Amino acid sequence: MNKALSIWRARLCMTQREAATALGVALNTYQQWESGKSWKTGKPVSAPLVALLAAAALEHGLQPVTEDGAPKQDGDGTPAYPPR
């Protein structure tokens, strides 16, 4: 189990789906990272360092950005994070 991700998600009062969306990954990917086990093989898996760094950045208020460096926004022009 990846306690760092579980603790991060709990501190932000997020569901696994919200956490996956915030990190830009599929729900099943996030669930495997948090559980520490591959569903297909049963072998251990861990979240990549970049995902853990992204989680820390989001927790500290850094907003996601697009490839050109602009703040990422929802369709209504509001910041894409935190999830609603």
N, C-alpha and C. Protein backbone atom coordinates (compact mmCIF):
# COMPACT_ATOMS: atom_id res chain seq x y z
N MET A 1 0.84 -1.19 0.00
CA MET A 1 0.00 0.00 0.00
C MET A 1 0.88 1.24 0.00
N ASN A 2 0.50 2.22 -0.78
CA ASN A 2 1.25 3.48 -0.81
C ASN A 2 0.61 4.44 0.17
N LYS A 3 1.17 4.46 1.36
CA LYS A 3 0.59 5.31 2.41
C LYS A 3 0.69 6.79 2.07
N ALA A 4 1.71 7.19 1.34
CA ALA A 4 1.87 8.60 1.01
C ALA A 4 0.67 9.09 0.19
N LEU A 5 0.26 8.32 -0.81
CA LEU A 5 -0.88 8.72 -1.62
C LEU A 5 -2.18 8.67 -0.82
N SER A 6 -2.34 7.65 -0.01
CA SER A 6 -3.55 7.54 0.81
C SER A 6 -3.67 8.71 1.78
N ILE A 7 -2.57 9.05 2.40
CA ILE A 7 -2.57 10.17 3.35
C ILE A 7 -2.84 11.49 2.63
N TRP A 8 -2.20 11.68 1.48
CA TRP A 8 -2.42 12.89 0.69
C TRP A 8 -3.89 13.03 0.32
N ARG A 9 -4.47 11.95 -0.17
CA ARG A 9 -5.87 11.98 -0.59
C ARG A 9 -6.79 12.26 0.60
N ALA A 10 -6.50 11.67 1.74
CA ALA A 10 -7.32 11.90 2.93
C ALA A 10 -7.21 13.35 3.41
N ARG A 11 -6.00 13.90 3.38
CA ARG A 11 -5.83 15.30 3.82
C ARG A 11 -6.62 16.25 2.95
N LEU A 12 -6.76 15.93 1.66
CA LEU A 12 -7.49 16.81 0.75
C LEU A 12 -8.96 16.42 0.62
N CYS A 13 -9.39 15.43 1.40
CA CYS A 13 -10.79 14.96 1.39
C CYS A 13 -11.25 14.62 -0.03
N MET A 14 -10.43 13.87 -0.73
CA MET A 14 -10.73 13.48 -2.11
C MET A 14 -11.14 12.03 -2.18
N THR A 15 -11.97 11.73 -3.17
CA THR A 15 -12.21 10.34 -3.53
C THR A 15 -11.04 9.87 -4.38
N GLN A 16 -10.96 8.56 -4.60
CA GLN A 16 -9.91 8.07 -5.49
C GLN A 16 -10.10 8.63 -6.90
N ARG A 17 -11.33 8.76 -7.34
CA ARG A 17 -11.60 9.30 -8.68
C ARG A 17 -11.10 10.74 -8.77
N GLU A 18 -11.37 11.56 -7.75
CA GLU A 18 -10.91 12.95 -7.75
C GLU A 18 -9.40 13.02 -7.73
N ALA A 19 -8.77 12.15 -6.95
CA ALA A 19 -7.31 12.13 -6.88
C ALA A 19 -6.71 11.74 -8.23
N ALA A 20 -7.29 10.73 -8.87
CA ALA A 20 -6.81 10.31 -10.18
C ALA A 20 -6.93 11.44 -11.19
N THR A 21 -8.07 12.12 -11.18
CA THR A 21 -8.28 13.24 -12.09
C THR A 21 -7.28 14.36 -11.83
N ALA A 22 -7.06 14.68 -10.56
CA ALA A 22 -6.12 15.74 -10.21
C ALA A 22 -4.71 15.42 -10.68
N LEU A 23 -4.36 14.13 -10.67
CA LEU A 23 -3.02 13.72 -11.10
C LEU A 23 -2.95 13.40 -12.59
N GLY A 24 -4.10 13.42 -13.26
CA GLY A 24 -4.12 13.19 -14.70
C GLY A 24 -3.93 11.74 -15.11
N VAL A 25 -4.39 10.81 -14.27
CA VAL A 25 -4.26 9.39 -14.59
C VAL A 25 -5.62 8.72 -14.51
N ALA A 26 -5.71 7.54 -15.08
CA ALA A 26 -6.95 6.76 -15.02
C ALA A 26 -7.19 6.30 -13.59
N LEU A 27 -8.46 6.12 -13.26
CA LEU A 27 -8.83 5.68 -11.91
C LEU A 27 -8.16 4.37 -11.55
N ASN A 28 -8.17 3.39 -12.46
CA ASN A 28 -7.56 2.10 -12.11
C ASN A 28 -6.05 2.22 -11.89
N THR A 29 -5.40 3.12 -12.60
CA THR A 29 -3.97 3.35 -12.37
C THR A 29 -3.75 3.89 -10.98
N TYR A 30 -4.54 4.91 -10.61
CA TYR A 30 -4.40 5.48 -9.27
C TYR A 30 -4.67 4.42 -8.20
N GLN A 31 -5.71 3.61 -8.39
CA GLN A 31 -6.06 2.59 -7.39
C GLN A 31 -4.93 1.57 -7.24
N GLN A 32 -4.28 1.23 -8.34
CA GLN A 32 -3.16 0.29 -8.24
C GLN A 32 -1.99 0.93 -7.50
N TRP A 33 -1.72 2.21 -7.77
CA TRP A 33 -0.65 2.89 -7.05
C TRP A 33 -0.94 2.91 -5.56
N GLU A 34 -2.18 3.23 -5.21
CA GLU A 34 -2.52 3.35 -3.79
C GLU A 34 -2.50 1.99 -3.10
N SER A 35 -2.97 0.96 -3.79
CA SER A 35 -2.99 -0.38 -3.18
C SER A 35 -1.61 -1.03 -3.18
N GLY A 36 -0.75 -0.60 -4.12
CA GLY A 36 0.59 -1.16 -4.20
C GLY A 36 0.66 -2.48 -4.93
N LYS A 37 -0.45 -2.84 -5.62
CA LYS A 37 -0.48 -4.14 -6.29
C LYS A 37 -1.14 -4.02 -7.67
N SER A 38 -0.56 -4.69 -8.65
CA SER A 38 -1.14 -4.75 -9.99
C SER A 38 -2.35 -5.67 -9.98
N TRP A 39 -3.44 -5.22 -10.55
CA TRP A 39 -4.63 -6.06 -10.63
C TRP A 39 -4.42 -7.24 -11.56
N LYS A 40 -3.66 -7.03 -12.62
CA LYS A 40 -3.47 -8.09 -13.61
C LYS A 40 -2.52 -9.17 -13.14
N THR A 41 -1.41 -8.76 -12.54
CA THR A 41 -0.38 -9.73 -12.19
C THR A 41 -0.27 -10.00 -10.69
N GLY A 42 -0.79 -9.11 -9.88
CA GLY A 42 -0.65 -9.26 -8.44
C GLY A 42 0.71 -8.83 -7.92
N LYS A 43 1.57 -8.41 -8.84
CA LYS A 43 2.92 -7.98 -8.45
C LYS A 43 2.89 -6.58 -7.87
N PRO A 44 3.88 -6.27 -7.05
CA PRO A 44 3.94 -4.93 -6.46
C PRO A 44 4.12 -3.85 -7.52
N VAL A 45 3.44 -2.73 -7.33
CA VAL A 45 3.62 -1.55 -8.16
C VAL A 45 3.76 -0.35 -7.23
N SER A 46 4.37 0.68 -7.73
CA SER A 46 4.47 1.90 -6.94
C SER A 46 4.22 3.10 -7.84
N ALA A 47 3.75 4.15 -7.23
CA ALA A 47 3.51 5.38 -7.97
C ALA A 47 4.85 5.95 -8.40
N PRO A 48 4.94 6.45 -9.62
CA PRO A 48 6.20 7.07 -10.04
C PRO A 48 6.46 8.35 -9.24
N LEU A 49 7.69 8.66 -9.08
CA LEU A 49 8.09 9.83 -8.31
C LEU A 49 7.40 11.09 -8.81
N VAL A 50 7.24 11.21 -10.13
CA VAL A 50 6.60 12.41 -10.68
C VAL A 50 5.15 12.54 -10.17
N ALA A 51 4.45 11.43 -9.97
CA ALA A 51 3.08 11.48 -9.45
C ALA A 51 3.09 11.94 -8.00
N LEU A 52 4.03 11.46 -7.22
CA LEU A 52 4.13 11.87 -5.82
C LEU A 52 4.50 13.35 -5.71
N LEU A 53 5.38 13.81 -6.60
CA LEU A 53 5.74 15.22 -6.62
C LEU A 53 4.54 16.08 -7.04
N ALA A 54 3.78 15.59 -8.02
CA ALA A 54 2.59 16.33 -8.46
C ALA A 54 1.57 16.42 -7.33
N ALA A 55 1.39 15.34 -6.58
CA ALA A 55 0.47 15.35 -5.45
C ALA A 55 0.90 16.39 -4.42
N ALA A 56 2.18 16.43 -4.11
CA ALA A 56 2.69 17.41 -3.15
C ALA A 56 2.51 18.83 -3.67
N ALA A 57 2.75 19.05 -4.95
CA ALA A 57 2.59 20.38 -5.54
C ALA A 57 1.14 20.83 -5.46
N LEU A 58 0.22 19.94 -5.79
CA LEU A 58 -1.20 20.28 -5.72
C LEU A 58 -1.63 20.59 -4.29
N GLU A 59 -1.13 19.82 -3.35
CA GLU A 59 -1.48 20.06 -1.95
C GLU A 59 -1.01 21.43 -1.48
N HIS A 60 0.08 21.89 -2.03
CA HIS A 60 0.64 23.18 -1.61
C HIS A 60 0.18 24.34 -2.49
N GLY A 61 -0.85 24.09 -3.30
CA GLY A 61 -1.49 25.18 -4.01
C GLY A 61 -0.99 25.47 -5.41
N LEU A 62 -0.02 24.71 -5.91
CA LEU A 62 0.41 24.93 -7.28
C LEU A 62 -0.65 24.40 -8.22
N GLN A 63 -1.01 25.17 -9.21
CA GLN A 63 -2.06 24.81 -10.14
C GLN A 63 -1.49 24.05 -11.34
N PRO A 64 -2.27 23.09 -11.87
CA PRO A 64 -1.83 22.41 -13.09
C PRO A 64 -1.69 23.42 -14.23
N VAL A 65 -0.81 23.12 -15.16
CA VAL A 65 -0.61 24.00 -16.31
C VAL A 65 -0.72 23.18 -17.59
N THR A 66 -1.00 23.88 -18.69
CA THR A 66 -1.05 23.24 -20.00
C THR A 66 0.37 23.11 -20.53
N GLU A 67 0.52 22.50 -21.68
CA GLU A 67 1.85 22.32 -22.25
C GLU A 67 2.56 23.64 -22.54
N ASP A 68 1.79 24.71 -22.79
CA ASP A 68 2.42 26.01 -23.06
C ASP A 68 2.66 26.82 -21.79
N GLY A 69 2.37 26.21 -20.62
CA GLY A 69 2.65 26.87 -19.35
C GLY A 69 1.51 27.70 -18.79
N ALA A 70 0.39 27.77 -19.52
CA ALA A 70 -0.76 28.54 -19.04
C ALA A 70 -1.51 27.72 -17.99
N PRO A 71 -2.15 28.40 -17.01
CA PRO A 71 -2.93 27.66 -16.02
C PRO A 71 -4.03 26.85 -16.69
N LYS A 72 -4.17 25.61 -16.27
CA LYS A 72 -5.20 24.73 -16.82
C LYS A 72 -6.56 25.17 -16.28
N GLN A 73 -7.56 25.22 -17.16
CA GLN A 73 -8.89 25.67 -16.75
C GLN A 73 -9.96 24.70 -17.23
N ASP A 74 -11.08 24.71 -16.49
CA ASP A 74 -12.26 23.96 -16.92
C ASP A 74 -12.92 24.71 -18.06
N GLY A 75 -13.94 24.12 -18.65
CA GLY A 75 -14.65 24.74 -19.74
C GLY A 75 -15.28 26.07 -19.40
N ASP A 76 -15.56 26.29 -18.11
CA ASP A 76 -16.20 27.56 -17.71
C ASP A 76 -15.18 28.64 -17.35
N GLY A 77 -13.90 28.37 -17.58
CA GLY A 77 -12.86 29.37 -17.35
C GLY A 77 -12.32 29.40 -15.93
N THR A 78 -12.81 28.52 -15.06
CA THR A 78 -12.31 28.48 -13.69
C THR A 78 -11.13 27.52 -13.62
N PRO A 79 -10.25 27.68 -12.63
CA PRO A 79 -9.12 26.76 -12.50
C PRO A 79 -9.60 25.31 -12.41
N ALA A 80 -8.85 24.41 -13.02
CA ALA A 80 -9.24 23.01 -13.07
C ALA A 80 -9.07 22.31 -11.73
N TYR A 81 -8.37 22.89 -10.81
CA TYR A 81 -8.13 22.27 -9.51
C TYR A 81 -8.42 23.30 -8.44
N PRO A 82 -8.99 23.01 -7.36
CA PRO A 82 -9.33 21.68 -6.88
C PRO A 82 -10.59 21.15 -7.52
N PRO A 83 -10.73 19.81 -7.51
CA PRO A 83 -11.92 19.22 -8.12
C PRO A 83 -13.18 19.63 -7.38
N ARG A 84 -14.27 19.68 -8.12
CA ARG A 84 -15.55 20.07 -7.51
C ARG A 84 -16.42 18.88 -7.31
